[in-house]
Amino acid sequence: MNRSDTDLTGRLAEYARLAGRLRRVQDGITDVRATADSDDGLVHAVVGGRGELLELELDQRIFREQDAATLARKIVETVRDAAAEAERDAAGIAEKLMPQQKPGAAADSMFGPVLSMLDEGPQTWSRR
């Protein structure tokens, strides 16, 4: 086997390890569930790891007040709170499996760690 074959084999192995890490991050984020309740406890939201609304529960007492704008605000705020928690959880999963971003890099829990790793190059992947 010549040197270029050995280099190619090594690179392919590194790419396979990186792909495995990415799959574990993806699976972990898929499993994230975050919840939030409105301050008055009348709105309950469950959000997935990508910020998607999975469940929304409205207590029957919420309909006593006939103010649609207040209801809409409570729902939006509660969903945002749950989404922020889900994003923190997803970022935690990514940070455990992927490298830290470079100082000053824009915080992006979904792609930041992967882009940082790709920027560093394959010579650093096996050290993670």
Protein backbone atom coordinates (compact mmCIF):
# COMPACT_ATOMS: atom_id res chain seq x y z
CA MET A 1 0.00 0.00 0.00
CA ASN A 2 1.51 3.35 -0.97
CA ARG A 3 1.43 6.55 1.05
CA SER A 4 -1.51 8.11 -0.82
CA ASP A 5 -3.61 4.98 -0.17
CA THR A 6 -2.70 5.13 3.51
CA ASP A 7 -3.56 8.85 3.66
CA LEU A 8 -6.89 8.23 1.96
CA THR A 9 -7.72 5.36 4.30
CA GLY A 10 -6.89 7.53 7.29
CA ARG A 11 -9.02 10.40 6.02
CA LEU A 12 -11.95 8.10 5.35
CA ALA A 13 -11.68 6.75 8.89
CA GLU A 14 -11.65 10.31 10.27
CA TYR A 15 -14.70 11.24 8.20
CA ALA A 16 -16.48 8.12 9.48
CA ARG A 17 -15.73 9.15 13.10
CA LEU A 18 -16.99 12.65 12.43
CA ALA A 19 -20.15 11.29 10.80
CA GLY A 20 -20.71 9.11 13.87
CA ARG A 21 -20.42 12.10 16.17
CA LEU A 22 -22.81 14.09 14.02
CA ARG A 23 -25.36 11.25 14.14
CA ARG A 24 -25.11 11.11 17.93
CA VAL A 25 -25.67 14.87 18.14
CA GLN A 26 -28.64 14.62 15.78
CA ASP A 27 -30.14 11.72 17.75
CA GLY A 28 -29.64 13.56 21.03
CA ILE A 29 -31.27 16.72 19.76
CA THR A 30 -34.19 14.71 18.38
CA ASP A 31 -34.79 13.34 21.90
CA VAL A 32 -34.83 16.76 23.60
CA ARG A 33 -38.13 17.80 25.15
CA ALA A 34 -38.40 21.10 27.02
CA THR A 35 -41.41 22.45 28.86
CA ALA A 36 -42.56 25.81 30.11
CA ASP A 37 -45.59 27.18 31.91
CA SER A 38 -47.01 30.68 31.81
CA ASP A 39 -46.63 32.77 34.97
CA ASP A 40 -50.24 32.07 35.93
CA GLY A 41 -49.95 28.35 35.11
CA LEU A 42 -52.75 28.44 32.56
CA VAL A 43 -50.58 27.74 29.50
CA HIS A 44 -48.24 24.73 29.23
CA ALA A 45 -45.98 24.16 26.20
CA VAL A 46 -43.69 21.31 25.21
CA VAL A 47 -41.04 22.00 22.55
CA GLY A 48 -38.65 19.64 20.77
CA GLY A 49 -34.91 20.01 20.33
CA ARG A 50 -35.26 21.94 17.08
CA GLY A 51 -37.73 24.40 18.60
CA GLU A 52 -40.84 22.74 17.19
CA LEU A 53 -44.02 22.99 19.27
CA LEU A 54 -45.03 19.45 20.26
CA GLU A 55 -47.79 20.09 22.78
CA LEU A 56 -49.85 23.03 23.93
CA GLU A 57 -52.22 22.76 26.88
CA LEU A 58 -54.62 25.50 27.89
CA ASP A 59 -56.27 25.35 31.28
CA GLN A 60 -60.04 25.81 31.02
CA ARG A 61 -59.85 28.83 33.34
CA ILE A 62 -58.03 30.74 30.61
CA PHE A 63 -61.29 31.16 28.70
CA ARG A 64 -62.93 33.12 31.54
CA GLU A 65 -61.06 36.18 30.35
CA GLN A 66 -62.19 37.10 26.84
CA ASP A 67 -59.02 38.93 25.84
CA ALA A 68 -57.57 37.25 22.74
CA ALA A 69 -54.48 39.47 22.69
CA THR A 70 -53.54 38.50 26.26
CA LEU A 71 -54.09 34.82 25.49
CA ALA A 72 -51.94 35.05 22.36
CA ARG A 73 -49.17 36.83 24.29
CA LYS A 74 -49.20 34.17 27.02
CA ILE A 75 -48.99 31.38 24.46
CA VAL A 76 -46.15 33.01 22.53
CA GLU A 77 -44.15 33.79 25.69
CA THR A 78 -44.60 30.27 27.04
CA VAL A 79 -43.57 28.65 23.75
CA ARG A 80 -40.54 30.95 23.53
CA ASP A 81 -39.48 30.01 27.07
CA ALA A 82 -39.75 26.31 26.23
CA ALA A 83 -37.87 26.81 22.95
CA ALA A 84 -35.05 28.65 24.75
CA GLU A 85 -34.74 25.74 27.21
CA ALA A 86 -34.73 23.24 24.32
CA GLU A 87 -31.99 25.21 22.58
CA ARG A 88 -29.86 25.20 25.74
CA ASP A 89 -30.36 21.45 26.07
CA ALA A 90 -29.49 20.88 22.39
CA ALA A 91 -26.39 23.06 22.70
CA GLY A 92 -25.31 21.01 25.72
CA ILE A 93 -25.56 17.82 23.69
CA ALA A 94 -23.56 19.32 20.84
CA GLU A 95 -20.89 20.67 23.22
CA LYS A 96 -20.36 17.23 24.77
CA LEU A 97 -19.79 15.56 21.43
CA MET A 98 -18.24 18.32 19.33
CA PRO A 99 -15.38 20.77 19.88
CA GLN A 100 -15.74 24.14 21.48
CA GLN A 101 -16.13 27.03 19.09
CA LYS A 102 -13.32 29.47 18.61
CA PRO A 103 -13.47 32.54 20.86
CA GLY A 104 -15.53 35.27 19.25
CA ALA A 105 -17.39 32.86 16.97
CA ALA A 106 -21.11 33.41 16.63
CA ALA A 107 -23.03 31.14 18.98
CA ASP A 108 -24.98 28.63 16.91
CA SER A 109 -25.95 25.52 18.82
CA MET A 110 -26.87 23.57 15.70
CA PHE A 111 -23.96 24.22 13.35
CA GLY A 112 -21.31 26.13 15.28
CA PRO A 113 -19.50 23.13 16.80
CA VAL A 114 -19.48 21.25 13.50
CA LEU A 115 -18.23 24.24 11.53
CA SER A 116 -15.54 24.84 14.14
CA MET A 117 -14.38 21.24 13.83
CA LEU A 118 -14.30 21.42 10.05
CA ASP A 119 -12.31 24.66 10.23
CA GLU A 120 -9.67 22.95 12.39
CA GLY A 121 -9.23 20.16 9.85
CA PRO A 122 -9.06 16.40 10.01
CA GLN A 123 -5.76 16.29 11.88
CA THR A 124 -7.63 17.34 15.06
CA TRP A 125 -10.73 15.12 14.77
CA SER A 126 -9.32 12.01 16.39
CA ARG A 127 -8.38 13.98 19.53
CA ARG A 128 -12.02 14.72 20.34
